[in-house]
N, C-alpha and C. Protein backbone atom coordinates (compact mmCIF):
# COMPACT_ATOMS: atom_id res chain seq x y z
N MET A 1 0.80 -1.22 0.00
CA MET A 1 -0.10 -0.06 0.01
C MET A 1 0.91 1.23 0.01
N VAL A 2 0.67 2.19 -0.94
CA VAL A 2 1.41 3.49 -0.95
C VAL A 2 0.49 4.48 -0.42
N VAL A 3 1.02 5.29 0.48
CA VAL A 3 0.24 6.47 1.02
C VAL A 3 0.34 7.57 0.06
N SER A 4 -0.78 7.95 -0.49
CA SER A 4 -0.77 8.95 -1.57
C SER A 4 -1.62 10.18 -1.14
N ASN A 5 -2.40 10.15 -0.06
CA ASN A 5 -3.02 11.31 0.41
C ASN A 5 -3.32 11.04 1.93
N PRO A 6 -3.70 12.09 2.60
CA PRO A 6 -3.81 12.07 4.11
C PRO A 6 -4.99 11.13 4.45
N LYS A 7 -5.98 10.89 3.62
CA LYS A 7 -7.07 10.08 4.02
C LYS A 7 -6.65 8.57 4.21
N GLN A 8 -5.57 8.25 3.62
CA GLN A 8 -5.11 6.82 3.69
C GLN A 8 -4.31 6.57 4.90
N MET A 9 -3.92 7.62 5.67
CA MET A 9 -3.23 7.46 6.86
C MET A 9 -4.37 7.54 8.08
N LYS A 10 -4.26 6.62 8.92
CA LYS A 10 -5.23 6.49 9.99
C LYS A 10 -5.02 7.54 11.13
N TYR A 11 -3.75 7.94 11.39
CA TYR A 11 -3.33 8.78 12.51
C TYR A 11 -2.81 10.06 12.16
N PHE A 12 -2.51 10.35 10.95
CA PHE A 12 -1.80 11.60 10.58
C PHE A 12 -2.47 12.32 9.35
N ASN A 13 -2.14 13.61 9.25
CA ASN A 13 -2.43 14.43 8.14
C ASN A 13 -1.01 14.95 7.66
N TYR A 14 -0.88 15.16 6.32
CA TYR A 14 0.29 15.72 5.76
C TYR A 14 0.75 17.03 6.48
N SER A 15 -0.22 17.80 6.93
CA SER A 15 0.11 19.13 7.53
C SER A 15 1.02 18.92 8.85
N GLU A 16 0.85 17.79 9.46
CA GLU A 16 1.56 17.60 10.72
C GLU A 16 3.11 17.49 10.43
N PHE A 17 3.41 17.24 9.14
CA PHE A 17 4.87 17.11 8.80
C PHE A 17 5.50 18.33 8.14
N ASP A 18 4.68 19.40 7.91
CA ASP A 18 5.16 20.57 7.29
C ASP A 18 6.35 21.14 7.95
N SER A 19 7.31 21.60 7.14
CA SER A 19 8.46 22.46 7.66
C SER A 19 7.71 23.81 8.05
N PRO A 20 8.14 24.30 9.22
CA PRO A 20 7.56 25.54 9.61
C PRO A 20 7.58 26.76 8.64
N ASP A 21 8.54 26.70 7.73
CA ASP A 21 8.70 27.83 6.84
C ASP A 21 8.13 27.53 5.51
N LEU A 22 7.44 26.44 5.29
CA LEU A 22 6.88 26.08 4.00
C LEU A 22 5.56 25.28 4.11
N PRO A 23 4.45 26.04 4.18
CA PRO A 23 3.10 25.36 4.28
C PRO A 23 3.00 24.28 3.14
N ASN A 24 2.28 23.29 3.46
CA ASN A 24 2.01 22.15 2.56
C ASN A 24 3.23 21.32 2.14
N SER A 25 4.31 21.44 2.84
CA SER A 25 5.56 20.65 2.50
C SER A 25 5.49 19.33 3.05
N GLY A 26 4.59 18.98 3.88
CA GLY A 26 4.50 17.63 4.41
C GLY A 26 4.29 16.58 3.36
N ILE A 27 3.81 17.08 2.17
CA ILE A 27 3.59 16.09 1.04
C ILE A 27 5.00 15.61 0.53
N ASN A 28 6.05 16.28 1.00
CA ASN A 28 7.39 15.79 0.56
C ASN A 28 7.90 14.56 1.38
N MET A 29 7.10 14.17 2.44
CA MET A 29 7.47 12.98 3.22
C MET A 29 7.45 11.74 2.34
N ASP A 30 8.31 10.84 2.62
CA ASP A 30 8.34 9.59 1.83
C ASP A 30 7.15 8.72 2.29
N ALA A 31 6.38 8.22 1.16
CA ALA A 31 5.19 7.48 1.35
C ALA A 31 5.41 6.32 2.17
N SER A 32 6.40 5.52 1.88
CA SER A 32 6.75 4.25 2.55
C SER A 32 7.03 4.45 4.04
N PHE A 33 7.72 5.58 4.32
CA PHE A 33 8.06 5.89 5.69
C PHE A 33 6.71 6.29 6.38
N LEU A 34 5.91 7.01 5.82
CA LEU A 34 4.53 7.37 6.43
C LEU A 34 3.74 6.17 6.77
N GLN A 35 3.81 5.21 5.83
CA GLN A 35 3.02 3.92 6.07
C GLN A 35 3.56 3.29 7.25
N LEU A 36 4.90 3.16 7.38
CA LEU A 36 5.47 2.52 8.61
C LEU A 36 5.13 3.29 9.87
N LEU A 37 5.25 4.65 9.65
CA LEU A 37 4.96 5.49 10.91
C LEU A 37 3.49 5.31 11.38
N ASP A 38 2.49 5.14 10.46
CA ASP A 38 1.16 4.99 10.89
C ASP A 38 1.01 3.62 11.52
N GLN A 39 1.75 2.59 11.07
CA GLN A 39 1.74 1.28 11.68
C GLN A 39 2.39 1.39 13.06
N CYS A 40 3.49 2.12 13.17
CA CYS A 40 4.18 2.34 14.41
C CYS A 40 3.18 3.01 15.49
N ARG A 41 2.48 3.96 15.01
CA ARG A 41 1.52 4.60 15.90
C ARG A 41 0.47 3.67 16.48
N GLU A 42 0.02 2.81 15.50
CA GLU A 42 -0.99 1.83 15.96
C GLU A 42 -0.48 0.86 16.91
N THR A 43 0.83 0.44 16.76
CA THR A 43 1.40 -0.54 17.59
C THR A 43 1.65 0.13 18.95
N ALA A 44 2.17 1.27 18.96
CA ALA A 44 2.55 1.88 20.23
C ALA A 44 1.29 2.23 21.12
N GLY A 45 0.13 2.47 20.53
CA GLY A 45 -1.00 2.68 21.33
C GLY A 45 -0.95 4.07 22.09
N VAL A 46 -0.12 4.99 21.71
CA VAL A 46 -0.10 6.29 22.32
C VAL A 46 -0.08 7.32 21.20
N PRO A 47 -0.60 8.48 21.45
CA PRO A 47 -0.59 9.58 20.45
C PRO A 47 0.82 9.94 20.08
N PHE A 48 1.04 10.33 18.86
CA PHE A 48 2.35 10.83 18.42
C PHE A 48 2.17 12.29 18.08
N LYS A 49 2.83 13.18 18.79
CA LYS A 49 2.85 14.56 18.43
C LYS A 49 4.19 14.81 17.68
N ILE A 50 3.97 15.15 16.42
CA ILE A 50 5.12 15.30 15.58
C ILE A 50 5.68 16.69 15.81
N THR A 51 6.97 16.80 16.26
CA THR A 51 7.55 18.12 16.60
C THR A 51 8.42 18.55 15.35
N SER A 52 8.83 17.57 14.61
CA SER A 52 9.63 17.86 13.37
C SER A 52 9.42 16.78 12.28
N GLY A 53 9.07 17.17 11.10
CA GLY A 53 8.90 16.19 10.04
C GLY A 53 9.80 16.67 8.90
N TYR A 54 9.16 16.95 7.79
CA TYR A 54 9.98 17.51 6.59
C TYR A 54 10.62 18.81 7.03
N ARG A 55 11.86 19.02 6.57
CA ARG A 55 12.53 20.27 6.75
C ARG A 55 13.10 20.82 5.41
N THR A 56 13.01 22.06 5.24
CA THR A 56 13.68 22.78 4.07
C THR A 56 15.07 22.90 4.51
N LYS A 57 15.94 23.10 3.54
CA LYS A 57 17.38 23.32 3.87
C LYS A 57 17.50 24.57 4.69
N GLU A 58 16.71 25.63 4.42
CA GLU A 58 16.74 26.90 5.12
C GLU A 58 16.39 26.65 6.66
N TYR A 59 15.23 25.94 6.82
CA TYR A 59 14.81 25.71 8.29
C TYR A 59 15.93 24.74 8.97
N ASN A 60 16.38 23.85 8.24
CA ASN A 60 17.35 22.91 8.92
C ASN A 60 18.63 23.74 9.28
N GLN A 61 19.05 24.73 8.53
CA GLN A 61 20.17 25.44 8.76
C GLN A 61 19.89 26.49 9.95
N SER A 62 18.56 26.97 9.99
CA SER A 62 18.27 27.80 11.17
C SER A 62 18.42 27.08 12.45
N LEU A 63 17.95 25.75 12.51
CA LEU A 63 18.20 24.96 13.67
C LEU A 63 19.59 24.86 14.01
N LYS A 64 20.55 24.57 13.07
CA LYS A 64 21.90 24.47 13.33
C LYS A 64 22.49 25.79 13.91
N ASP A 65 21.92 26.98 13.37
CA ASP A 65 22.35 28.18 13.81
C ASP A 65 21.99 28.53 15.23
N LYS A 66 20.88 27.83 15.67
CA LYS A 66 20.42 28.07 17.00
C LYS A 66 21.10 27.05 18.00
N GLY A 67 22.00 26.23 17.50
CA GLY A 67 22.72 25.31 18.42
C GLY A 67 22.19 23.86 18.44
N TYR A 68 21.13 23.58 17.66
CA TYR A 68 20.60 22.18 17.66
C TYR A 68 21.43 21.27 16.79
N LYS A 69 21.39 20.05 17.02
CA LYS A 69 22.06 18.97 16.29
C LYS A 69 21.22 18.75 15.04
N ALA A 70 21.42 19.54 13.98
CA ALA A 70 20.65 19.35 12.73
C ALA A 70 21.69 19.15 11.65
N SER A 71 21.93 17.81 11.33
CA SER A 71 22.91 17.48 10.26
C SER A 71 22.59 18.08 8.97
N LYS A 72 23.62 18.44 8.18
CA LYS A 72 23.52 18.97 6.89
C LYS A 72 22.97 17.89 5.89
N ASN A 73 23.10 16.62 6.37
CA ASN A 73 22.56 15.45 5.56
C ASN A 73 21.37 14.86 6.33
N SER A 74 20.63 15.70 7.01
CA SER A 74 19.46 15.18 7.79
C SER A 74 18.51 14.40 6.96
N ALA A 75 18.03 13.28 7.59
CA ALA A 75 17.01 12.53 6.92
C ALA A 75 15.63 13.34 6.83
N HIS A 76 15.49 14.35 7.70
CA HIS A 76 14.40 15.23 7.67
C HIS A 76 14.30 15.94 6.26
N LEU A 77 15.41 16.27 5.67
CA LEU A 77 15.44 17.00 4.42
C LEU A 77 14.91 16.19 3.19
N LYS A 78 14.89 14.78 3.44
CA LYS A 78 14.50 14.01 2.36
C LYS A 78 13.14 13.30 2.63
N GLY A 79 12.55 13.66 3.80
CA GLY A 79 11.26 13.12 4.21
C GLY A 79 11.27 11.73 4.74
N PHE A 80 12.42 11.30 5.28
CA PHE A 80 12.59 10.05 5.84
C PHE A 80 12.60 9.99 7.44
N ALA A 81 12.25 11.16 8.01
CA ALA A 81 12.47 11.28 9.46
C ALA A 81 11.33 12.09 10.17
N VAL A 82 11.14 11.69 11.35
CA VAL A 82 10.24 12.56 12.28
C VAL A 82 10.82 12.61 13.66
N ASP A 83 10.52 13.63 14.42
CA ASP A 83 10.77 13.62 15.84
C ASP A 83 9.43 13.65 16.45
N ILE A 84 9.22 12.85 17.49
CA ILE A 84 7.98 12.70 18.20
C ILE A 84 8.19 13.06 19.64
N ALA A 85 7.27 14.00 20.12
CA ALA A 85 7.34 14.49 21.52
C ALA A 85 7.28 13.24 22.46
N ALA A 86 8.15 13.12 23.37
CA ALA A 86 8.19 12.04 24.37
C ALA A 86 8.99 12.58 25.59
N THR A 87 8.26 12.89 26.68
CA THR A 87 8.96 13.49 27.77
C THR A 87 9.05 12.56 29.06
N ASP A 88 8.56 11.30 28.85
CA ASP A 88 8.70 10.33 29.94
C ASP A 88 9.17 9.02 29.43
N SER A 89 9.77 8.23 30.32
CA SER A 89 10.36 7.02 29.94
C SER A 89 9.45 5.93 29.38
N VAL A 90 8.23 5.96 29.91
CA VAL A 90 7.24 4.91 29.48
C VAL A 90 6.79 5.23 28.00
N THR A 91 6.47 6.56 27.67
CA THR A 91 6.17 6.82 26.34
C THR A 91 7.38 6.60 25.43
N ARG A 92 8.62 6.96 25.76
CA ARG A 92 9.77 6.60 24.95
C ARG A 92 9.86 5.11 24.67
N HIS A 93 9.66 4.40 25.61
CA HIS A 93 9.72 2.85 25.50
C HIS A 93 8.72 2.38 24.54
N LYS A 94 7.43 2.88 24.62
CA LYS A 94 6.35 2.43 23.75
C LYS A 94 6.69 2.83 22.35
N ILE A 95 7.24 4.05 22.10
CA ILE A 95 7.50 4.46 20.67
C ILE A 95 8.61 3.57 20.15
N ILE A 96 9.74 3.42 20.95
CA ILE A 96 10.86 2.63 20.36
C ILE A 96 10.52 1.25 20.20
N SER A 97 9.77 0.60 21.06
CA SER A 97 9.35 -0.74 20.90
C SER A 97 8.53 -0.89 19.64
N ALA A 98 7.58 -0.07 19.47
CA ALA A 98 6.78 -0.07 18.22
C ALA A 98 7.46 0.17 16.92
N ALA A 99 8.49 1.08 17.05
CA ALA A 99 9.33 1.36 15.85
C ALA A 99 10.08 0.12 15.41
N LEU A 100 10.72 -0.55 16.41
CA LEU A 100 11.46 -1.76 16.02
C LEU A 100 10.51 -2.87 15.59
N ALA A 101 9.36 -2.95 16.10
CA ALA A 101 8.38 -3.93 15.68
C ALA A 101 7.94 -3.73 14.19
N VAL A 102 7.97 -2.53 13.69
CA VAL A 102 7.50 -2.24 12.27
C VAL A 102 8.69 -2.08 11.32
N ASN A 103 9.98 -2.32 11.88
CA ASN A 103 11.15 -2.24 11.09
C ASN A 103 11.59 -0.82 10.85
N ILE A 104 11.37 0.12 11.75
CA ILE A 104 12.08 1.42 11.79
C ILE A 104 13.26 1.16 12.67
N ASN A 105 14.44 1.23 12.12
CA ASN A 105 15.55 0.81 12.91
C ASN A 105 16.67 1.87 13.15
N ARG A 106 16.36 3.09 12.79
CA ARG A 106 17.21 4.27 13.13
C ARG A 106 16.53 5.13 14.08
N ILE A 107 16.96 5.19 15.38
CA ILE A 107 16.30 5.78 16.44
C ILE A 107 17.22 6.63 17.22
N GLY A 108 16.78 7.88 17.41
CA GLY A 108 17.52 8.83 18.27
C GLY A 108 16.66 9.17 19.51
N VAL A 109 17.30 9.14 20.66
CA VAL A 109 16.52 9.43 21.89
C VAL A 109 17.03 10.65 22.70
N ALA A 110 16.15 11.46 22.90
CA ALA A 110 16.48 12.80 23.56
C ALA A 110 15.58 12.87 24.79
N LYS A 111 15.79 13.89 25.58
CA LYS A 111 15.05 14.09 26.81
C LYS A 111 13.60 14.50 26.52
N THR A 112 13.30 15.06 25.35
CA THR A 112 11.96 15.56 25.01
C THR A 112 11.32 14.97 23.84
N PHE A 113 12.12 14.09 23.10
CA PHE A 113 11.58 13.51 21.83
C PHE A 113 12.35 12.29 21.41
N VAL A 114 11.72 11.59 20.57
CA VAL A 114 12.33 10.43 19.87
C VAL A 114 12.33 10.66 18.45
N HIS A 115 13.51 10.43 17.85
CA HIS A 115 13.71 10.56 16.38
C HIS A 115 13.55 9.22 15.73
N LEU A 116 12.81 9.09 14.70
CA LEU A 116 12.65 7.89 13.94
C LEU A 116 12.98 8.14 12.58
N ASP A 117 13.86 7.31 11.88
CA ASP A 117 14.06 7.53 10.40
C ASP A 117 14.37 6.28 9.77
N THR A 118 14.18 6.23 8.44
CA THR A 118 14.46 5.06 7.53
C THR A 118 15.25 5.51 6.40
N ASP A 119 16.14 6.54 6.54
CA ASP A 119 16.95 7.04 5.41
C ASP A 119 17.81 5.89 4.82
N PRO A 120 17.54 5.56 3.60
CA PRO A 120 18.28 4.41 2.96
C PRO A 120 19.76 4.74 2.63
N GLU A 121 20.09 5.99 2.67
CA GLU A 121 21.47 6.46 2.38
C GLU A 121 22.37 6.49 3.57
N LYS A 122 21.85 6.32 4.78
CA LYS A 122 22.71 6.33 5.95
C LYS A 122 23.43 5.10 6.04
N PRO A 123 24.75 5.11 6.43
CA PRO A 123 25.60 3.90 6.46
C PRO A 123 25.10 2.96 7.53
N SER A 124 24.56 3.46 8.69
CA SER A 124 24.23 2.60 9.84
C SER A 124 22.68 2.39 9.70
N GLN A 125 22.20 1.29 9.48
CA GLN A 125 20.76 1.11 9.25
C GLN A 125 20.08 0.55 10.57
N HIS A 126 20.83 0.04 11.46
CA HIS A 126 20.29 -0.51 12.72
C HIS A 126 21.04 0.12 13.87
N CYS A 127 20.58 1.23 14.40
CA CYS A 127 21.28 1.92 15.33
C CYS A 127 20.31 2.74 16.26
N ILE A 128 20.75 3.00 17.52
CA ILE A 128 20.04 3.87 18.43
C ILE A 128 21.06 4.66 19.03
N TRP A 129 20.83 5.97 19.01
CA TRP A 129 21.78 7.02 19.62
C TRP A 129 21.09 7.92 20.49
N THR A 130 21.86 8.69 21.25
CA THR A 130 21.23 9.69 22.20
C THR A 130 21.66 11.09 21.75
N TYR A 131 20.97 12.03 22.22
CA TYR A 131 21.27 13.45 21.87
C TYR A 131 21.90 14.17 23.15
């Protein structure tokens, strides 16, 4: 199944993935990734508040300029990544367990969010890191 419009996603709308500087840019998210993310949300059984989805190069640079760890090769730039708000250990565990169950294997863990991505160009495809 290919996600081609927001009605095919059970838990999300494309607007949730918009770069803050470019309305309607959530359509640039990878369809296969969104399908996995929808399955991940179903499996986790907790709401996913997307704090970062697709990013324009300009927005990504603005994050770097503010001191955030925003890679110049970020998976967000290609629509293969999201950050999900998670401020407690139980929620982080549910998100990470669900991600692994649906084969999302690139995971970053921070104090306030969990990063999930499936960027096929990244050299490490099975990894978990901290911020």
